[in-house]
């Protein structure tokens, strides 16, 4: 049996260090002592064959990549004037943006059943599609194709609306920070009361899935308490 035949039959692979061979345990267990001895005896030839196979794969991959690069270059040469025309059309559309508007950058982030999902950004601020005015689309379409291979959506938003969005965002962030601070203060007060009274104090409760497989309950009422020693205690009440 040749080295290549052994490699194929026993699924022999080259070890990471390059001077050992390895056989899957499930195959090695089924090999006879004679078969294993033949593999060991042919180890130098097997290693040389495995190294040659790896080199052949590398050469074949390089040839495929060179072919793909050549094909891409040829396609790029065909697409270049189509893309140039698309960008020229986009510039024409941008010239139609009203003076009191700013351009919105539209980027496709996904696809929903053939309909592109878009993200809209104006001066670094993400804005909603319903606040955006679409001026038009510029597309690059290959001859005979049913759809475009590249497109630019030109759109804008009024400066006043953009400023309002920024103002609302800051207000929402401030409100969230205030609420977080208020909750932190509330919990600090509860722990202070627990320490002062030496008794557990209620913090909050919520519903969760039943955590006892021995019970046929549906939900648990989980209650969190502040303890006098500064820790928290969780109590669960099964519901049916």
C-alpha atoms as a PDB file:
ATOM      1  CA  UNK A   1       0.000   0.000   0.000  1.00  0.00           C
ATOM      2  CA  UNK A   2       1.408   3.402  -0.973  1.00  0.00           C
ATOM      3  CA  UNK A   3       1.767   6.323   1.421  1.00  0.00           C
ATOM      4  CA  UNK A   4      -1.129   8.186  -0.241  1.00  0.00           C
ATOM      5  CA  UNK A   5      -3.325   5.073  -0.019  1.00  0.00           C
ATOM      6  CA  UNK A   6      -2.556   4.763   3.717  1.00  0.00           C
ATOM      7  CA  UNK A   7      -3.326   8.451   4.242  1.00  0.00           C
ATOM      8  CA  UNK A   8      -6.717   8.058   2.599  1.00  0.00           C
ATOM      9  CA  UNK A   9      -7.623   4.724   4.208  1.00  0.00           C
ATOM     10  CA  UNK A  10      -6.660   5.659   7.770  1.00  0.00           C
ATOM     11  CA  UNK A  11      -7.426   9.420   7.593  1.00  0.00           C
ATOM     12  CA  UNK A  12      -3.831  10.169   8.560  1.00  0.00           C
ATOM     13  CA  UNK A  13      -2.974  13.803   9.298  1.00  0.00           C
ATOM     14  CA  UNK A  14       0.233  15.675   9.917  1.00  0.00           C
ATOM     15  CA  UNK A  15       0.833  16.712  13.529  1.00  0.00           C
ATOM     16  CA  UNK A  16       1.234  20.409  14.234  1.00  0.00           C
ATOM     17  CA  UNK A  17       4.984  20.090  14.810  1.00  0.00           C
ATOM     18  CA  UNK A  18       5.409  18.672  11.297  1.00  0.00           C
ATOM     19  CA  UNK A  19       7.477  15.593  12.175  1.00  0.00           C
ATOM     20  CA  UNK A  20       4.743  13.319  13.524  1.00  0.00           C
ATOM     21  CA  UNK A  21       1.594  11.789  12.109  1.00  0.00           C
ATOM     22  CA  UNK A  22      -1.739  11.194  13.813  1.00  0.00           C
ATOM     23  CA  UNK A  23      -4.636   8.846  13.204  1.00  0.00           C
ATOM     24  CA  UNK A  24      -8.154   9.430  14.574  1.00  0.00           C
ATOM     25  CA  UNK A  25      -8.690   7.278  17.700  1.00  0.00           C
ATOM     26  CA  UNK A  26     -11.855   5.711  16.275  1.00  0.00           C
ATOM     27  CA  UNK A  27      -9.860   4.424  13.289  1.00  0.00           C
ATOM     28  CA  UNK A  28      -6.720   3.505  15.226  1.00  0.00           C
ATOM     29  CA  UNK A  29      -8.689   1.196  17.536  1.00  0.00           C
ATOM     30  CA  UNK A  30      -9.823  -0.864  14.553  1.00  0.00           C
ATOM     31  CA  UNK A  31      -6.357  -1.261  12.997  1.00  0.00           C
ATOM     32  CA  UNK A  32      -4.458  -4.503  13.432  1.00  0.00           C
ATOM     33  CA  UNK A  33      -0.904  -4.604  14.734  1.00  0.00           C
ATOM     34  CA  UNK A  34       0.283  -5.445  11.213  1.00  0.00           C
ATOM     35  CA  UNK A  35      -1.501  -2.417   9.739  1.00  0.00           C
ATOM     36  CA  UNK A  36      -0.132  -0.127  12.445  1.00  0.00           C
ATOM     37  CA  UNK A  37       3.378  -1.454  11.948  1.00  0.00           C
ATOM     38  CA  UNK A  38       3.097  -0.796   8.202  1.00  0.00           C
ATOM     39  CA  UNK A  39       2.068   2.799   8.860  1.00  0.00           C
ATOM     40  CA  UNK A  40       4.948   3.322  11.316  1.00  0.00           C
ATOM     41  CA  UNK A  41       7.407   1.854   8.812  1.00  0.00           C
ATOM     42  CA  UNK A  42       6.135   4.172   6.090  1.00  0.00           C
ATOM     43  CA  UNK A  43       6.162   7.253   8.335  1.00  0.00           C
ATOM     44  CA  UNK A  44       8.842   9.184   6.347  1.00  0.00           C
ATOM     45  CA  UNK A  45       6.990   8.602   3.057  1.00  0.00           C
ATOM     46  CA  UNK A  46       3.648   9.490   4.674  1.00  0.00           C
ATOM     47  CA  UNK A  47       5.024  12.748   6.083  1.00  0.00           C
ATOM     48  CA  UNK A  48       6.516  13.641   2.699  1.00  0.00           C
ATOM     49  CA  UNK A  49       3.192  12.883   0.998  1.00  0.00           C
ATOM     50  CA  UNK A  50       1.237  14.967   3.528  1.00  0.00           C
ATOM     51  CA  UNK A  51       3.613  17.895   3.079  1.00  0.00           C
ATOM     52  CA  UNK A  52       3.254  17.615  -0.690  1.00  0.00           C
ATOM     53  CA  UNK A  53      -0.531  17.541  -0.397  1.00  0.00           C
ATOM     54  CA  UNK A  54      -0.437  20.693   1.718  1.00  0.00           C
ATOM     55  CA  UNK A  55       1.820  22.378  -0.849  1.00  0.00           C
ATOM     56  CA  UNK A  56      -0.480  21.281  -3.685  1.00  0.00           C
ATOM     57  CA  UNK A  57      -3.489  22.724  -1.841  1.00  0.00           C
ATOM     58  CA  UNK A  58      -1.630  25.985  -1.298  1.00  0.00           C
ATOM     59  CA  UNK A  59      -0.679  26.173  -4.981  1.00  0.00           C
ATOM     60  CA  UNK A  60      -4.246  25.409  -6.070  1.00  0.00           C
ATOM     61  CA  UNK A  61      -5.641  28.058  -3.697  1.00  0.00           C
ATOM     62  CA  UNK A  62      -3.187  30.636  -5.012  1.00  0.00           C
ATOM     63  CA  UNK A  63      -4.242  29.814  -8.579  1.00  0.00           C
ATOM     64  CA  UNK A  64      -7.934  30.174  -7.664  1.00  0.00           C
ATOM     65  CA  UNK A  65      -7.322  33.495  -5.946  1.00  0.00           C
ATOM     66  CA  UNK A  66      -5.345  34.773  -8.953  1.00  0.00           C
ATOM     67  CA  UNK A  67      -8.212  33.768 -11.224  1.00  0.00           C
ATOM     68  CA  UNK A  68     -10.768  35.455  -8.957  1.00  0.00           C
ATOM     69  CA  UNK A  69      -8.646  38.611  -8.853  1.00  0.00           C
ATOM     70  CA  UNK A  70      -8.464  38.634 -12.649  1.00  0.00           C
ATOM     71  CA  UNK A  71     -12.225  38.189 -12.901  1.00  0.00           C
ATOM     72  CA  UNK A  72     -12.842  40.948 -10.344  1.00  0.00           C
ATOM     73  CA  UNK A  73     -10.514  43.300 -12.212  1.00  0.00           C
ATOM     74  CA  UNK A  74     -12.347  42.623 -15.458  1.00  0.00           C
ATOM     75  CA  UNK A  75     -15.727  43.210 -13.795  1.00  0.00           C
ATOM     76  CA  UNK A  76     -14.439  46.364 -12.080  1.00  0.00           C
ATOM     77  CA  UNK A  77     -13.428  47.743 -15.474  1.00  0.00           C
ATOM     78  CA  UNK A  78     -16.965  47.141 -16.749  1.00  0.00           C
ATOM     79  CA  UNK A  79     -18.580  48.570 -13.606  1.00  0.00           C
ATOM     80  CA  UNK A  80     -16.404  51.694 -13.371  1.00  0.00           C
ATOM     81  CA  UNK A  81     -18.374  53.846 -15.862  1.00  0.00           C
ATOM     82  CA  UNK A  82     -21.682  52.629 -14.392  1.00  0.00           C
ATOM     83  CA  UNK A  83     -20.557  53.672 -10.915  1.00  0.00           C
ATOM     84  CA  UNK A  84     -19.298  57.016 -12.225  1.00  0.00           C
ATOM     85  CA  UNK A  85     -22.719  57.672 -13.775  1.00  0.00           C
ATOM     86  CA  UNK A  86     -24.399  56.714 -10.478  1.00  0.00           C
ATOM     87  CA  UNK A  87     -22.257  59.171  -8.501  1.00  0.00           C
ATOM     88  CA  UNK A  88     -22.915  61.917 -11.069  1.00  0.00           C
ATOM     89  CA  UNK A  89     -26.663  61.312 -10.680  1.00  0.00           C
ATOM     90  CA  UNK A  90     -26.305  61.414  -6.896  1.00  0.00           C
ATOM     91  CA  UNK A  91     -24.572  64.799  -7.146  1.00  0.00           C
ATOM     92  CA  UNK A  92     -27.476  66.094  -9.235  1.00  0.00           C
ATOM     93  CA  UNK A  93     -29.903  64.932  -6.561  1.00  0.00           C
ATOM     94  CA  UNK A  94     -27.843  66.535  -3.781  1.00  0.00           C
ATOM     95  CA  UNK A  95     -28.125  69.851  -5.587  1.00  0.00           C
ATOM     96  CA  UNK A  96     -31.897  69.619  -4.953  1.00  0.00           C
ATOM     97  CA  UNK A  97     -31.549  69.521  -1.152  1.00  0.00           C
ATOM     98  CA  UNK A  98     -33.331  72.610   0.273  1.00  0.00           C
ATOM     99  CA  UNK A  99     -31.165  75.355   1.741  1.00  0.00           C
ATOM    100  CA  UNK A 100     -32.628  74.872   5.238  1.00  0.00           C
ATOM    101  CA  UNK A 101     -31.845  71.126   5.192  1.00  0.00           C
ATOM    102  CA  UNK A 102     -28.698  69.065   5.775  1.00  0.00           C
ATOM    103  CA  UNK A 103     -27.856  65.876   3.913  1.00  0.00           C
ATOM    104  CA  UNK A 104     -28.647  62.592   5.590  1.00  0.00           C
ATOM    105  CA  UNK A 105     -26.311  59.654   5.008  1.00  0.00           C
ATOM    106  CA  UNK A 106     -28.356  56.537   4.237  1.00  0.00           C
ATOM    107  CA  UNK A 107     -26.642  53.180   4.798  1.00  0.00           C
ATOM    108  CA  UNK A 108     -28.170  49.763   4.209  1.00  0.00           C
ATOM    109  CA  UNK A 109     -27.818  47.637   7.353  1.00  0.00           C
ATOM    110  CA  UNK A 110     -29.768  44.564   6.269  1.00  0.00           C
ATOM    111  CA  UNK A 111     -32.469  43.077   4.116  1.00  0.00           C
ATOM    112  CA  UNK A 112     -36.042  42.208   5.067  1.00  0.00           C
ATOM    113  CA  UNK A 113     -37.681  39.932   2.496  1.00  0.00           C
ATOM    114  CA  UNK A 114     -36.070  41.842  -0.362  1.00  0.00           C
ATOM    115  CA  UNK A 115     -36.652  45.266   1.179  1.00  0.00           C
ATOM    116  CA  UNK A 116     -33.444  46.970   2.351  1.00  0.00           C
ATOM    117  CA  UNK A 117     -33.296  48.108   5.970  1.00  0.00           C
ATOM    118  CA  UNK A 118     -31.599  51.480   6.275  1.00  0.00           C
ATOM    119  CA  UNK A 119     -29.855  53.561   8.911  1.00  0.00           C
ATOM    120  CA  UNK A 120     -29.982  57.344   8.558  1.00  0.00           C
ATOM    121  CA  UNK A 121     -27.320  59.653  10.019  1.00  0.00           C
ATOM    122  CA  UNK A 122     -27.129  63.452   9.881  1.00  0.00           C
ATOM    123  CA  UNK A 123     -24.069  65.240  11.272  1.00  0.00           C
ATOM    124  CA  UNK A 124     -23.250  62.119  13.260  1.00  0.00           C
ATOM    125  CA  UNK A 125     -26.763  61.873  14.743  1.00  0.00           C
ATOM    126  CA  UNK A 126     -28.899  58.809  13.992  1.00  0.00           C
ATOM    127  CA  UNK A 127     -32.350  59.938  12.866  1.00  0.00           C
ATOM    128  CA  UNK A 128     -35.561  58.065  12.147  1.00  0.00           C
ATOM    129  CA  UNK A 129     -36.723  57.402   8.596  1.00  0.00           C
ATOM    130  CA  UNK A 130     -39.985  59.267   9.163  1.00  0.00           C
ATOM    131  CA  UNK A 131     -38.049  62.486   9.853  1.00  0.00           C
ATOM    132  CA  UNK A 132     -36.144  62.159   6.572  1.00  0.00           C
ATOM    133  CA  UNK A 133     -37.057  63.659   3.204  1.00  0.00           C
ATOM    134  CA  UNK A 134     -36.023  61.380   0.331  1.00  0.00           C
ATOM    135  CA  UNK A 135     -34.778  63.345  -2.670  1.00  0.00           C
ATOM    136  CA  UNK A 136     -34.237  60.301  -4.873  1.00  0.00           C
ATOM    137  CA  UNK A 137     -32.139  57.262  -5.739  1.00  0.00           C
ATOM    138  CA  UNK A 138     -29.083  56.943  -7.972  1.00  0.00           C
ATOM    139  CA  UNK A 139     -28.327  53.400  -9.120  1.00  0.00           C
ATOM    140  CA  UNK A 140     -25.775  51.440 -11.112  1.00  0.00           C
ATOM    141  CA  UNK A 141     -27.330  48.674 -13.214  1.00  0.00           C
ATOM    142  CA  UNK A 142     -25.419  46.219 -15.376  1.00  0.00           C
ATOM    143  CA  UNK A 143     -26.774  45.659 -18.916  1.00  0.00           C
ATOM    144  CA  UNK A 144     -29.522  43.032 -18.880  1.00  0.00           C
ATOM    145  CA  UNK A 145     -29.746  42.952 -15.081  1.00  0.00           C
ATOM    146  CA  UNK A 146     -33.102  43.247 -13.324  1.00  0.00           C
ATOM    147  CA  UNK A 147     -31.747  45.201 -10.384  1.00  0.00           C
ATOM    148  CA  UNK A 148     -28.893  47.479  -9.396  1.00  0.00           C
ATOM    149  CA  UNK A 149     -25.579  46.254  -7.978  1.00  0.00           C
ATOM    150  CA  UNK A 150     -24.975  49.584  -6.232  1.00  0.00           C
ATOM    151  CA  UNK A 151     -27.198  52.470  -5.213  1.00  0.00           C
ATOM    152  CA  UNK A 152     -27.181  55.750  -3.293  1.00  0.00           C
ATOM    153  CA  UNK A 153     -30.225  57.122  -1.525  1.00  0.00           C
ATOM    154  CA  UNK A 154     -30.020  60.909  -1.377  1.00  0.00           C
ATOM    155  CA  UNK A 155     -32.078  62.409   1.423  1.00  0.00           C
ATOM    156  CA  UNK A 156     -32.123  65.280   3.878  1.00  0.00           C
ATOM    157  CA  UNK A 157     -33.569  66.566   7.120  1.00  0.00           C
ATOM    158  CA  UNK A 158     -34.449  70.100   8.150  1.00  0.00           C
ATOM    159  CA  UNK A 159     -31.917  71.832  10.388  1.00  0.00           C
ATOM    160  CA  UNK A 160     -34.655  72.699  12.882  1.00  0.00           C
ATOM    161  CA  UNK A 161     -35.800  69.089  13.121  1.00  0.00           C
ATOM    162  CA  UNK A 162     -32.236  67.865  13.597  1.00  0.00           C
ATOM    163  CA  UNK A 163     -31.657  70.344  16.420  1.00  0.00           C
ATOM    164  CA  UNK A 164     -34.925  69.240  18.052  1.00  0.00           C
ATOM    165  CA  UNK A 165     -33.807  65.602  17.850  1.00  0.00           C
ATOM    166  CA  UNK A 166     -30.511  66.494  19.545  1.00  0.00           C
ATOM    167  CA  UNK A 167     -32.334  68.466  22.250  1.00  0.00           C
ATOM    168  CA  UNK A 168     -34.777  65.608  22.902  1.00  0.00           C
ATOM    169  CA  UNK A 169     -31.920  63.124  23.087  1.00  0.00           C
ATOM    170  CA  UNK A 170     -30.070  65.178  25.692  1.00  0.00           C
ATOM    171  CA  UNK A 171     -33.278  65.598  27.704  1.00  0.00           C
ATOM    172  CA  UNK A 172     -33.916  61.834  27.607  1.00  0.00           C
ATOM    173  CA  UNK A 173     -30.347  61.095  28.725  1.00  0.00           C
ATOM    174  CA  UNK A 174     -30.634  63.602  31.584  1.00  0.00           C
ATOM    175  CA  UNK A 175     -33.962  62.102  32.663  1.00  0.00           C
ATOM    176  CA  UNK A 176     -32.475  58.610  32.646  1.00  0.00           C
ATOM    177  CA  UNK A 177     -29.519  59.797  34.739  1.00  0.00           C
ATOM    178  CA  UNK A 178     -31.862  61.516  37.198  1.00  0.00           C
ATOM    179  CA  UNK A 179     -34.009  58.393  37.527  1.00  0.00           C
ATOM    180  CA  UNK A 180     -30.910  56.247  38.084  1.00  0.00           C
ATOM    181  CA  UNK A 181     -29.700  58.638  40.789  1.00  0.00           C
ATOM    182  CA  UNK A 182     -33.127  58.703  42.443  1.00  0.00           C
ATOM    183  CA  UNK A 183     -33.261  54.892  42.502  1.00  0.00           C
ATOM    184  CA  UNK A 184     -29.760  54.717  43.952  1.00  0.00           C
ATOM    185  CA  UNK A 185     -30.731  57.196  46.677  1.00  0.00           C
ATOM    186  CA  UNK A 186     -33.916  55.227  47.412  1.00  0.00           C
ATOM    187  CA  UNK A 187     -31.987  51.986  47.890  1.00  0.00           C
ATOM    188  CA  UNK A 188     -29.367  53.710  50.059  1.00  0.00           C
ATOM    189  CA  UNK A 189     -32.173  54.963  52.292  1.00  0.00           C
ATOM    190  CA  UNK A 190     -33.679  51.465  52.510  1.00  0.00           C
ATOM    191  CA  UNK A 191     -30.337  49.946  53.565  1.00  0.00           C
ATOM    192  CA  UNK A 192     -29.887  52.710  56.129  1.00  0.00           C
ATOM    193  CA  UNK A 193     -33.310  51.885  57.572  1.00  0.00           C
ATOM    194  CA  UNK A 194     -32.491  48.166  57.671  1.00  0.00           C
ATOM    195  CA  UNK A 195     -29.270  48.871  59.559  1.00  0.00           C
ATOM    196  CA  UNK A 196     -30.975  51.250  61.963  1.00  0.00           C
ATOM    197  CA  UNK A 197     -33.941  48.981  62.740  1.00  0.00           C
ATOM    198  CA  UNK A 198     -32.115  45.660  62.542  1.00  0.00           C
ATOM    199  CA  UNK A 199     -34.911  44.333  60.311  1.00  0.00           C
ATOM    200  CA  UNK A 200     -35.025  43.450  56.635  1.00  0.00           C
ATOM    201  CA  UNK A 201     -36.572  46.071  54.383  1.00  0.00           C
ATOM    202  CA  UNK A 202     -38.451  45.586  51.107  1.00  0.00           C
ATOM    203  CA  UNK A 203     -36.645  46.814  47.967  1.00  0.00           C
ATOM    204  CA  UNK A 204     -38.635  45.418  45.047  1.00  0.00           C
ATOM    205  CA  UNK A 205     -40.373  42.372  43.586  1.00  0.00           C
ATOM    206  CA  UNK A 206     -40.846  40.867  40.144  1.00  0.00           C
ATOM    207  CA  UNK A 207     -42.269  37.765  38.442  1.00  0.00           C
ATOM    208  CA  UNK A 208     -40.000  34.949  37.220  1.00  0.00           C
ATOM    209  CA  UNK A 209     -40.307  31.369  35.994  1.00  0.00           C
ATOM    210  CA  UNK A 210     -40.744  28.768  38.717  1.00  0.00           C
ATOM    211  CA  UNK A 211     -37.304  27.491  39.787  1.00  0.00           C
ATOM    212  CA  UNK A 212     -38.447  24.279  41.500  1.00  0.00           C
ATOM    213  CA  UNK A 213     -38.858  21.321  39.090  1.00  0.00           C
ATOM    214  CA  UNK A 214     -40.649  19.399  41.828  1.00  0.00           C
ATOM    215  CA  UNK A 215     -43.499  21.909  41.842  1.00  0.00           C
ATOM    216  CA  UNK A 216     -46.082  22.345  39.080  1.00  0.00           C
ATOM    217  CA  UNK A 217     -46.149  26.094  39.589  1.00  0.00           C
ATOM    218  CA  UNK A 218     -46.173  28.535  36.696  1.00  0.00           C
ATOM    219  CA  UNK A 219     -44.508  31.679  38.067  1.00  0.00           C
ATOM    220  CA  UNK A 220     -42.661  32.789  41.186  1.00  0.00           C
ATOM    221  CA  UNK A 221     -43.024  36.111  42.946  1.00  0.00           C
ATOM    222  CA  UNK A 222     -39.418  37.087  43.632  1.00  0.00           C
ATOM    223  CA  UNK A 223     -38.939  39.661  46.400  1.00  0.00           C
ATOM    224  CA  UNK A 224     -35.641  41.413  47.163  1.00  0.00           C
ATOM    225  CA  UNK A 225     -34.948  42.678  50.692  1.00  0.00           C
ATOM    226  CA  UNK A 226     -32.185  44.855  52.154  1.00  0.00           C
ATOM    227  CA  UNK A 227     -30.620  43.216  55.202  1.00  0.00           C
ATOM    228  CA  UNK A 228     -29.198  44.988  58.287  1.00  0.00           C
ATOM    229  CA  UNK A 229     -25.666  43.744  57.448  1.00  0.00           C
ATOM    230  CA  UNK A 230     -25.726  45.502  54.051  1.00  0.00           C
ATOM    231  CA  UNK A 231     -26.448  42.399  51.968  1.00  0.00           C
ATOM    232  CA  UNK A 232     -29.584  41.553  50.002  1.00  0.00           C
ATOM    233  CA  UNK A 233     -31.901  38.599  50.481  1.00  0.00           C
ATOM    234  CA  UNK A 234     -34.069  37.016  47.795  1.00  0.00           C
ATOM    235  CA  UNK A 235     -37.301  35.230  48.655  1.00  0.00           C
ATOM    236  CA  UNK A 236     -39.448  33.316  46.166  1.00  0.00           C
ATOM    237  CA  UNK A 237     -43.192  32.577  46.392  1.00  0.00           C
ATOM    238  CA  UNK A 238     -44.589  29.935  44.037  1.00  0.00           C
ATOM    239  CA  UNK A 239     -47.880  30.631  42.265  1.00  0.00           C
ATOM    240  CA  UNK A 240     -50.241  28.125  40.625  1.00  0.00           C
END
